[in-house]
Protein backbone atom coordinates (compact mmCIF):
# COMPACT_ATOMS: atom_id res chain seq x y z
CA MET A 1 0.00 0.00 0.00
CA GLY A 2 1.11 3.62 -0.49
CA THR A 3 2.91 5.56 2.17
CA PHE A 4 2.02 8.42 4.49
CA LYS A 5 5.71 8.85 5.36
CA TYR A 6 5.96 12.48 4.24
CA GLU A 7 2.29 13.46 4.49
CA ARG A 8 2.89 15.84 7.39
CA ASP A 9 6.30 17.04 6.23
CA LEU A 10 6.10 20.80 6.93
CA LEU A 11 9.03 21.59 4.64
CA LYS A 12 7.20 20.07 1.70
CA HIS A 13 3.90 21.65 2.73
CA PHE A 14 5.57 25.07 2.75
CA ILE A 15 6.46 24.50 -0.91
CA ARG A 16 2.88 23.46 -1.65
CA THR A 17 1.42 26.58 -0.07
CA ASP A 18 4.11 29.06 -1.15
CA GLY A 19 4.81 27.86 -4.69
CA TRP A 20 2.20 25.40 -5.87
CA LEU A 21 -1.02 26.86 -4.49
CA PRO A 22 -0.63 30.36 -6.03
CA LEU A 23 0.35 28.84 -9.38
CA CYS A 24 -2.72 26.59 -9.47
CA LYS A 25 -4.96 29.44 -8.35
CA ALA A 26 -3.65 31.60 -11.20
CA ARG A 27 -4.09 28.75 -13.70
CA ARG A 28 -7.73 28.24 -12.70
CA LYS A 29 -8.32 31.96 -13.09
CA LYS A 30 -6.79 31.86 -16.59
CA ILE A 31 -8.96 29.02 -17.87
CA ARG A 32 -12.13 30.61 -16.52
CA TYR A 33 -11.35 34.23 -17.45
CA LYS A 34 -14.16 35.59 -19.66
CA ALA A 35 -15.20 32.00 -20.44
CA THR A 36 -18.70 31.77 -21.84
CA ALA A 37 -21.12 29.24 -20.40
CA LYS A 38 -20.38 26.77 -23.20
CA ASN A 39 -16.61 27.06 -22.64
CA LEU A 40 -16.66 26.96 -18.84
CA ARG A 41 -14.85 23.93 -17.45
CA ASP A 42 -13.00 22.66 -14.39
CA LEU A 43 -9.26 22.48 -13.85
CA ARG A 44 -7.69 19.32 -15.29
CA TYR A 45 -5.07 18.05 -12.84
CA PHE A 46 -2.48 15.24 -13.06
CA THR A 47 -0.44 14.25 -10.03
CA PHE A 48 1.45 11.64 -8.01
CA CYS A 49 -0.42 12.33 -4.81
CA ALA A 50 0.13 9.15 -2.72
CA ILE A 51 -2.80 7.84 -0.72
CA GLY A 52 -3.09 10.97 1.45
CA ALA A 53 -3.83 13.06 -1.70
CA ILE A 54 -2.63 16.16 0.15
CA ASP A 55 -2.01 18.28 -2.95
CA VAL A 56 -5.43 17.46 -4.43
CA LEU A 57 -7.28 18.12 -1.18
CA MET A 58 -5.36 21.38 -0.68
CA LEU A 59 -6.72 22.58 -4.02
CA ASP A 60 -10.18 21.44 -2.97
CA VAL A 61 -9.99 23.29 0.36
CA HIS A 62 -9.02 26.47 -1.53
CA ASN A 63 -11.80 26.06 -4.14
CA ILE A 64 -9.37 25.56 -7.01
CA LEU A 65 -10.67 22.07 -7.69
CA ASN A 66 -14.45 21.77 -7.52
CA PRO A 67 -15.65 18.17 -7.28
CA THR A 68 -19.06 17.51 -8.79
CA ASP A 69 -21.68 15.17 -7.36
CA ARG A 70 -19.63 12.44 -9.06
CA GLY A 71 -16.43 13.56 -7.32
CA PHE A 72 -13.01 14.62 -8.62
CA GLU A 73 -13.65 13.76 -12.26
CA THR A 74 -10.87 15.98 -13.63
CA VAL A 75 -8.13 14.58 -11.36
CA VAL A 76 -5.82 11.84 -12.65
CA PHE A 77 -3.08 10.16 -10.61
CA PHE A 78 -0.68 7.20 -10.58
CA ASP A 79 0.30 4.78 -7.85
CA LYS A 80 2.34 1.60 -7.76
CA ASP A 81 -0.39 -0.90 -6.90
CA LYS A 82 -4.15 -1.37 -7.07
CA GLU A 83 -4.63 -1.26 -3.29
CA SER A 84 -3.00 2.18 -3.08
CA VAL A 85 -5.13 3.50 -5.93
CA ILE A 86 -8.31 2.28 -4.23
CA GLU A 87 -7.26 3.77 -0.89
CA THR A 88 -6.46 7.11 -2.54
CA GLN A 89 -9.88 7.18 -4.18
CA THR A 90 -11.55 6.96 -0.78
CA ARG A 91 -10.13 10.44 -0.09
CA ILE A 92 -10.63 11.87 -3.58
CA PRO A 93 -13.67 9.94 -4.84
CA GLY A 94 -14.41 10.08 -8.55
CA SER A 95 -10.76 10.61 -9.46
CA VAL A 96 -9.09 8.44 -12.11
CA GLY A 97 -6.24 6.29 -10.82
CA PHE A 98 -3.73 4.35 -12.91
CA VAL A 99 -1.78 1.41 -11.53
CA GLY A 100 1.90 0.80 -12.18
CA ASP A 101 5.18 2.47 -13.02
CA PHE A 102 4.40 5.77 -14.76
CA VAL A 103 7.72 6.07 -16.61
CA LYS A 104 7.69 2.45 -17.72
CA LEU A 105 4.09 2.65 -18.93
CA VAL A 106 4.45 5.93 -20.81
CA THR A 107 7.59 4.73 -22.62
CA SER A 108 6.38 1.14 -23.09
CA LEU A 109 5.68 1.49 -26.82
CA ASP A 110 8.88 3.44 -27.35
CA GLY A 111 11.29 2.21 -29.99
CA ASP A 112 13.40 3.55 -32.83
CA ASP A 113 11.84 1.15 -35.33
CA GLY A 114 8.36 1.00 -33.86
CA PRO A 115 5.28 2.86 -35.08
CA ASP A 116 4.46 6.24 -33.64
CA ILE A 117 2.67 5.77 -30.33
CA GLU A 118 -0.09 8.25 -31.09
CA ARG A 119 -1.05 6.39 -34.28
CA VAL A 120 -1.00 3.09 -32.41
CA ILE A 121 -3.26 4.40 -29.63
CA GLU A 122 -5.64 6.41 -31.78
CA GLY A 123 -6.12 3.41 -34.07
CA GLN A 124 -7.65 1.50 -31.17
CA SER A 125 -11.15 1.66 -29.77
CA GLU A 126 -12.00 1.16 -26.12
CA GLY A 127 -11.20 -2.41 -25.13
CA ASP A 128 -9.33 -3.31 -28.35
CA PHE A 129 -6.08 -3.84 -26.48
CA LEU A 130 -7.85 -6.28 -24.16
CA ALA A 131 -9.18 -8.49 -26.97
CA SER A 132 -7.90 -12.05 -27.05
CA PRO A 133 -4.57 -12.09 -28.88
CA GLU A 134 -4.61 -13.87 -32.26
CA ALA A 135 -0.91 -14.02 -33.11
CA GLU A 136 0.34 -14.73 -29.59
CA GLN A 137 -0.31 -17.35 -26.97
CA ASP A 138 -2.86 -16.30 -24.37
CA THR A 139 -0.41 -16.29 -21.45
CA ALA A 140 -0.39 -14.29 -18.23
CA GLN A 141 2.41 -12.08 -19.59
CA VAL A 142 0.55 -11.39 -22.84
CA ARG A 143 -2.59 -10.47 -20.88
CA ARG A 144 -0.57 -8.21 -18.56
CA GLU A 145 0.98 -6.43 -21.54
CA ALA A 146 -2.47 -6.01 -23.06
CA ARG A 147 -3.75 -4.47 -19.83
CA ASP A 148 -0.79 -2.07 -19.80
CA ARG A 149 -1.49 -1.01 -23.38
CA GLU A 150 -5.15 -0.44 -22.52
CA GLN A 151 -4.13 1.64 -19.49
CA LEU A 152 -1.81 3.64 -21.73
CA ARG A 153 -4.66 4.28 -24.16
CA GLN A 154 -6.93 5.43 -21.35
CA PHE A 155 -4.21 7.67 -19.89
CA TYR A 156 -3.51 9.22 -23.30
CA GLU A 157 -7.23 9.96 -23.72
CA ARG A 158 -7.14 12.03 -20.51
CA PHE A 159 -4.75 14.61 -21.97
CA PRO A 160 -4.24 17.55 -21.90
CA PHE A 161 -3.97 18.83 -18.32
CA ASP A 162 -3.99 22.40 -17.04
CA VAL A 163 -1.71 21.46 -14.15
CA ILE A 164 0.88 18.66 -14.00
CA ASN A 165 2.57 17.76 -10.73
CA LEU A 166 5.47 15.42 -11.60
CA ASP A 167 6.37 14.72 -8.00
CA LEU A 168 8.13 11.41 -8.56
CA GLU A 169 10.80 12.10 -5.90
CA GLU A 170 13.52 10.29 -7.83
CA TYR A 171 16.63 11.15 -9.84
CA VAL A 172 16.24 12.62 -13.31
CA PHE A 173 19.10 10.45 -14.51
CA LYS A 174 20.02 6.92 -13.51
CA PRO A 175 23.55 5.64 -14.22
CA SER A 176 22.18 2.38 -15.66
CA GLU A 177 20.20 4.20 -18.37
CA GLU A 178 21.44 5.63 -21.65
CA LEU A 179 20.92 9.33 -22.32
CA PRO A 180 18.50 11.00 -22.22
CA GLY A 181 17.13 8.53 -19.65
CA LYS A 182 13.63 7.10 -19.34
CA LEU A 183 12.23 9.96 -17.25
CA ILE A 184 13.13 12.56 -19.86
CA LYS A 185 11.69 10.30 -22.56
CA ALA A 186 8.44 10.12 -20.58
CA PHE A 187 8.51 13.91 -20.10
CA ARG A 188 8.89 14.42 -23.85
CA ARG A 189 5.93 12.16 -24.50
CA ILE A 190 3.56 13.98 -22.16
CA LEU A 191 4.65 17.30 -23.70
CA MET A 192 3.52 15.92 -27.06
CA TRP A 193 0.24 14.75 -25.55
CA GLN A 194 -0.29 18.20 -24.04
CA GLN A 195 -0.74 19.38 -27.64
CA ARG A 196 -4.10 17.57 -27.78
CA ALA A 197 -7.29 19.61 -27.65
CA VAL A 198 -9.53 19.75 -24.59
CA LYS A 199 -12.91 18.24 -25.39
CA ILE A 200 -15.35 20.60 -23.70
CA SER A 201 -18.33 19.09 -25.54
CA GLU A 202 -18.89 16.89 -28.59
CA HIS A 203 -18.31 19.75 -31.05
CA ASN A 204 -16.31 22.11 -28.85
CA LEU A 205 -12.56 21.41 -28.87
CA LYS A 206 -9.99 23.88 -27.57
CA LEU A 207 -6.19 23.84 -27.58
CA LEU A 208 -4.42 24.84 -24.39
CA ASP A 209 -2.46 28.06 -24.62
CA GLY A 210 -0.44 26.97 -21.58
CA PHE A 211 -0.25 24.86 -18.44
CA SER A 212 1.48 24.82 -15.05
CA LEU A 213 4.17 22.33 -14.07
CA MET A 214 5.97 21.19 -10.94
CA PHE A 215 8.94 18.92 -11.54
CA THR A 216 10.54 17.26 -8.51
CA THR A 217 13.96 15.61 -8.47
CA LYS A 218 16.75 14.62 -6.13
CA ILE A 219 20.15 16.27 -6.55
CA GLY A 220 22.50 13.65 -7.94
CA PRO A 221 23.29 10.83 -7.94
CA GLY A 222 26.98 11.16 -7.22
CA ASN A 223 27.95 8.34 -9.57
CA LEU A 224 26.60 9.75 -12.82
CA PRO A 225 28.67 8.57 -15.78
CA GLU A 226 31.09 10.99 -17.40
CA ASP A 227 28.99 11.00 -20.56
CA TYR A 228 26.01 12.43 -18.69
CA LEU A 229 28.07 15.05 -16.91
CA HIS A 230 29.97 16.10 -20.02
CA ARG A 231 26.75 16.52 -22.03
CA LEU A 232 25.17 18.65 -19.29
CA GLN A 233 28.38 20.67 -19.04
CA THR A 234 28.44 21.23 -22.81
CA SER A 235 24.79 22.29 -22.78
CA LEU A 236 25.47 25.01 -20.17
CA HIS A 237 28.65 26.06 -21.94
CA ASP A 238 26.67 26.56 -25.17
CA ASN A 239 24.41 29.04 -23.37
CA LEU A 240 27.44 31.01 -22.19
CA GLN A 241 28.79 31.07 -25.75
CA ARG A 242 25.50 32.35 -27.19
CA ASP A 243 24.89 35.00 -24.52
CA ASN A 244 28.06 36.71 -23.35
CA GLY A 245 26.17 38.48 -20.57
CA LEU A 246 25.70 35.14 -18.82
CA ASN A 247 29.42 34.88 -18.08
CA ALA A 248 29.39 37.86 -15.74
CA ILE A 249 26.13 36.68 -14.15
CA LEU A 250 27.51 33.22 -13.45
CA GLU A 251 30.82 34.55 -12.17
CA GLY A 252 29.01 36.88 -9.78
CA ARG A 253 26.98 33.99 -8.40
CA ALA A 254 29.47 31.13 -8.48
CA GLY A 255 32.84 32.85 -8.49
CA THR A 256 33.64 31.37 -11.90
CA ALA A 257 32.25 31.44 -15.43
CA ASP A 258 34.04 28.18 -16.27
CA VAL A 259 31.36 25.46 -16.30
CA ALA A 260 33.94 22.66 -16.07
CA ALA A 261 35.41 24.25 -12.94
CA LEU A 262 31.92 24.79 -11.51
CA ARG A 263 31.10 21.13 -12.00
CA GLN A 264 34.23 20.11 -10.08
CA THR A 265 34.03 22.61 -7.23
CA ASN A 266 30.25 23.05 -6.77
CA PHE A 267 28.37 20.11 -8.23
CA GLU A 268 25.11 21.08 -6.52
CA LEU A 269 25.00 24.50 -8.19
CA PHE A 270 26.03 22.91 -11.48
CA PHE A 271 23.08 20.51 -11.13
CA LYS A 272 20.66 23.29 -10.14
CA LEU A 273 21.53 25.11 -13.36
CA ALA A 274 21.77 22.11 -15.67
CA ILE A 275 18.48 20.36 -14.88
CA PRO A 276 16.12 23.39 -15.13
CA LYS A 277 17.99 24.42 -18.28
CA LEU A 278 17.38 20.92 -19.68
CA LEU A 279 13.67 21.22 -18.88
CA ALA A 280 13.51 24.62 -20.60
CA GLN A 281 15.24 23.22 -23.67
CA THR A 282 12.99 20.14 -23.78
CA LEU A 283 9.90 22.34 -23.55
CA MET A 284 11.19 24.49 -26.43
CA SER A 285 11.73 21.39 -28.56
CA HIS A 286 8.07 20.41 -28.13
CA ASP A 287 6.50 23.80 -28.93
CA TRP A 288 6.24 25.05 -25.34
CA PHE A 289 8.22 27.69 -23.47
CA ILE A 290 8.50 28.97 -19.91
CA ASP A 291 6.65 32.19 -19.12
CA PRO A 292 9.47 34.74 -18.69
CA GLU A 293 7.45 36.88 -16.29
CA LYS A 294 7.62 34.14 -13.67
CA GLY A 295 10.70 32.31 -14.87
CA ILE A 296 11.90 29.24 -13.01
CA THR A 297 11.31 29.03 -9.26
CA ILE A 298 13.37 26.39 -7.46
CA TYR A 299 12.71 25.24 -3.90
CA GLU A 300 15.31 23.11 -2.14
CA PHE A 301 15.17 21.21 1.11
CA GLU A 302 17.18 18.47 2.74
CA ARG A 303 15.66 15.18 3.82
CA PRO A 304 17.38 12.68 6.15
CA PHE A 305 17.61 8.99 5.45
CA GLU A 306 19.46 6.12 7.05
CA GLY A 307 23.15 6.87 6.82
CA GLY A 308 22.91 10.46 5.63
CA SER A 309 20.65 12.87 3.79
CA TYR A 310 19.70 13.93 0.30
CA LYS A 311 18.42 17.17 -1.21
CA MET A 312 15.18 17.62 -3.11
CA LEU A 313 14.49 20.24 -5.76
CA HIS A 314 10.93 21.32 -6.55
CA ILE A 315 10.98 23.26 -9.83
CA VAL A 316 7.86 25.36 -10.43
CA LEU A 317 7.04 26.61 -13.93
CA ASP A 318 4.29 28.30 -15.89
CA ILE A 319 4.32 27.10 -19.50
CA LYS A 320 3.06 28.76 -22.68
CA ARG A 321 2.50 27.46 -26.20
CA HIS A 322 4.70 28.88 -28.96
CA ASP A 323 3.12 31.77 -30.82
CA PRO A 324 2.35 31.10 -33.58
CA PRO A 325 2.00 27.40 -32.75
CA LYS A 326 3.75 24.77 -34.85
CA HIS A 327 0.73 23.95 -37.01
CA LEU A 328 0.49 27.62 -38.08
CA ARG A 329 4.20 28.14 -38.84
CA LEU A 330 6.09 27.65 -42.10
CA ASP A 331 8.72 24.92 -42.26
CA GLY A 332 11.84 26.17 -40.53
CA GLU A 333 10.05 29.18 -39.03
CA ARG A 334 10.57 29.73 -35.32
CA SER A 335 8.47 31.51 -32.75
CA ALA A 336 10.36 34.75 -32.04
CA ILE A 337 8.32 35.25 -28.86
CA ALA A 338 9.39 31.83 -27.53
CA ALA A 339 13.05 32.40 -28.48
CA GLU A 340 13.18 35.75 -26.66
CA ALA A 341 11.42 34.27 -23.65
CA TYR A 342 13.87 31.36 -23.51
CA GLN A 343 16.85 33.71 -23.37
CA ALA A 344 15.23 35.78 -20.62
CA VAL A 345 14.38 32.67 -18.60
CA ILE A 346 17.93 31.30 -18.83
CA ARG A 347 19.34 34.65 -17.66
CA ARG A 348 17.04 34.58 -14.64
CA LEU A 349 18.00 30.97 -13.94
CA PHE A 350 21.70 31.90 -13.84
CA ALA A 351 21.08 35.02 -11.75
CA ASN A 352 18.50 33.90 -9.18
CA ALA A 353 19.34 31.59 -6.32
CA GLU A 354 17.04 28.78 -5.26
CA ILE A 355 14.77 29.16 -2.23
CA ILE A 356 16.23 27.14 0.63
CA VAL A 357 13.42 25.76 2.78
CA SER A 358 14.45 25.00 6.35
CA ASP A 359 12.78 24.69 9.75
CA ASP A 360 13.79 28.17 10.85
CA ARG A 361 11.79 29.88 8.09
CA LEU A 362 8.54 27.99 8.69
CA ASP A 363 5.42 29.22 10.41
CA LYS A 364 4.78 25.81 11.92
CA VAL A 365 1.51 26.77 13.57
CA GLU A 366 0.02 28.02 10.31
CA LEU A 367 1.33 25.11 8.25
CA THR A 368 0.10 22.55 10.78
CA ALA A 369 -3.36 24.15 10.81
CA SER A 370 -3.39 24.04 7.01
CA LEU A 371 -2.46 20.35 6.99
CA ASP A 372 -5.05 19.57 9.64
CA ALA A 373 -7.79 21.13 7.51
CA ILE A 374 -6.62 19.26 4.42
CA VAL A 375 -6.42 15.89 6.17
CA ALA A 376 -9.85 16.49 7.73
CA ARG A 377 -11.30 17.14 4.27
CA GLY A 378 -9.92 13.79 3.08
CA GLU A 379 -11.33 11.98 6.10
CA LYS A 380 -14.71 13.57 5.47
CA TYR A 381 -14.78 12.12 1.94
CA ARG A 382 -13.44 8.81 3.23
CA GLU A 383 -16.13 8.48 5.85
CA GLY A 384 -18.78 9.47 3.34
């Protein structure tokens, strides 16, 4: 079953209330601003909420998510096993829960020689993946793979989302994986699926002009292969080459404008520049860009574990679609607005330090009261 281990972690709840809550509130306001009755809709939210569903219930308490008489119909989440999904749904009834490894499922039809996943999925009707296999033996493994493909189809059909909370609490890169790693491959895929239109009604489809994103990762690991580190180093170095002003900014912050030296002497800062920059670049490659007005906000806190501690980064972003979007551009034409925004965002990333979240900056009374109200809301649904 899922875990409540960090449900009452005040450091993490500070990040929810300080960074995540205002972003979600602003996103709801955007999708409802001047919306006519036929275009009015609820916030579409994807998360890894664990069975306490604290982030979902926080948005409910603050009237950002508005469950209908059928519950949290616009909330989608993942958990590792069926029992955890069922337990989560007692607290956020009506939500849609998927079982299994998110990264593995989303990249399961990935392959250089394989057909494009969108064509595979869209060529199937509901239940087609579950039909008895004709060319394969009807074994437990074949049936399990069919169930995974059907889950993938159902997950794909839920896109796009107004808010995505990728709170996987794991490393972006794993030494055993080849670049770019499975998590980045999964991230690329959901960015493509975010291009889908929202189906407001049978004949009313609307493309998102943007969405909000929280991306969580651990700093590290310390044994990343040289190939990973060198590629990240080269990526940052390319930014310094293209924008000479970044050299002075980085030197003022880190004491050096030499990325190779930074990597050797201050790996944590190197990582805190390289990973958000990678996210910004990946977004650009899939016709999205980071809103330069808000830029990239990074929260950092340290979490103990047996034998030491590790540091978590919560990266908070507001995302916009390229203007004009890809389907309205000529071949080879770029979005000048997105290109200018990207440069501004990278400058702010180099200049602005992360927000260090520690016990001494918390209003523990206020945060505890907030958590109490959120947990009570979940128990109310559970008892009902």
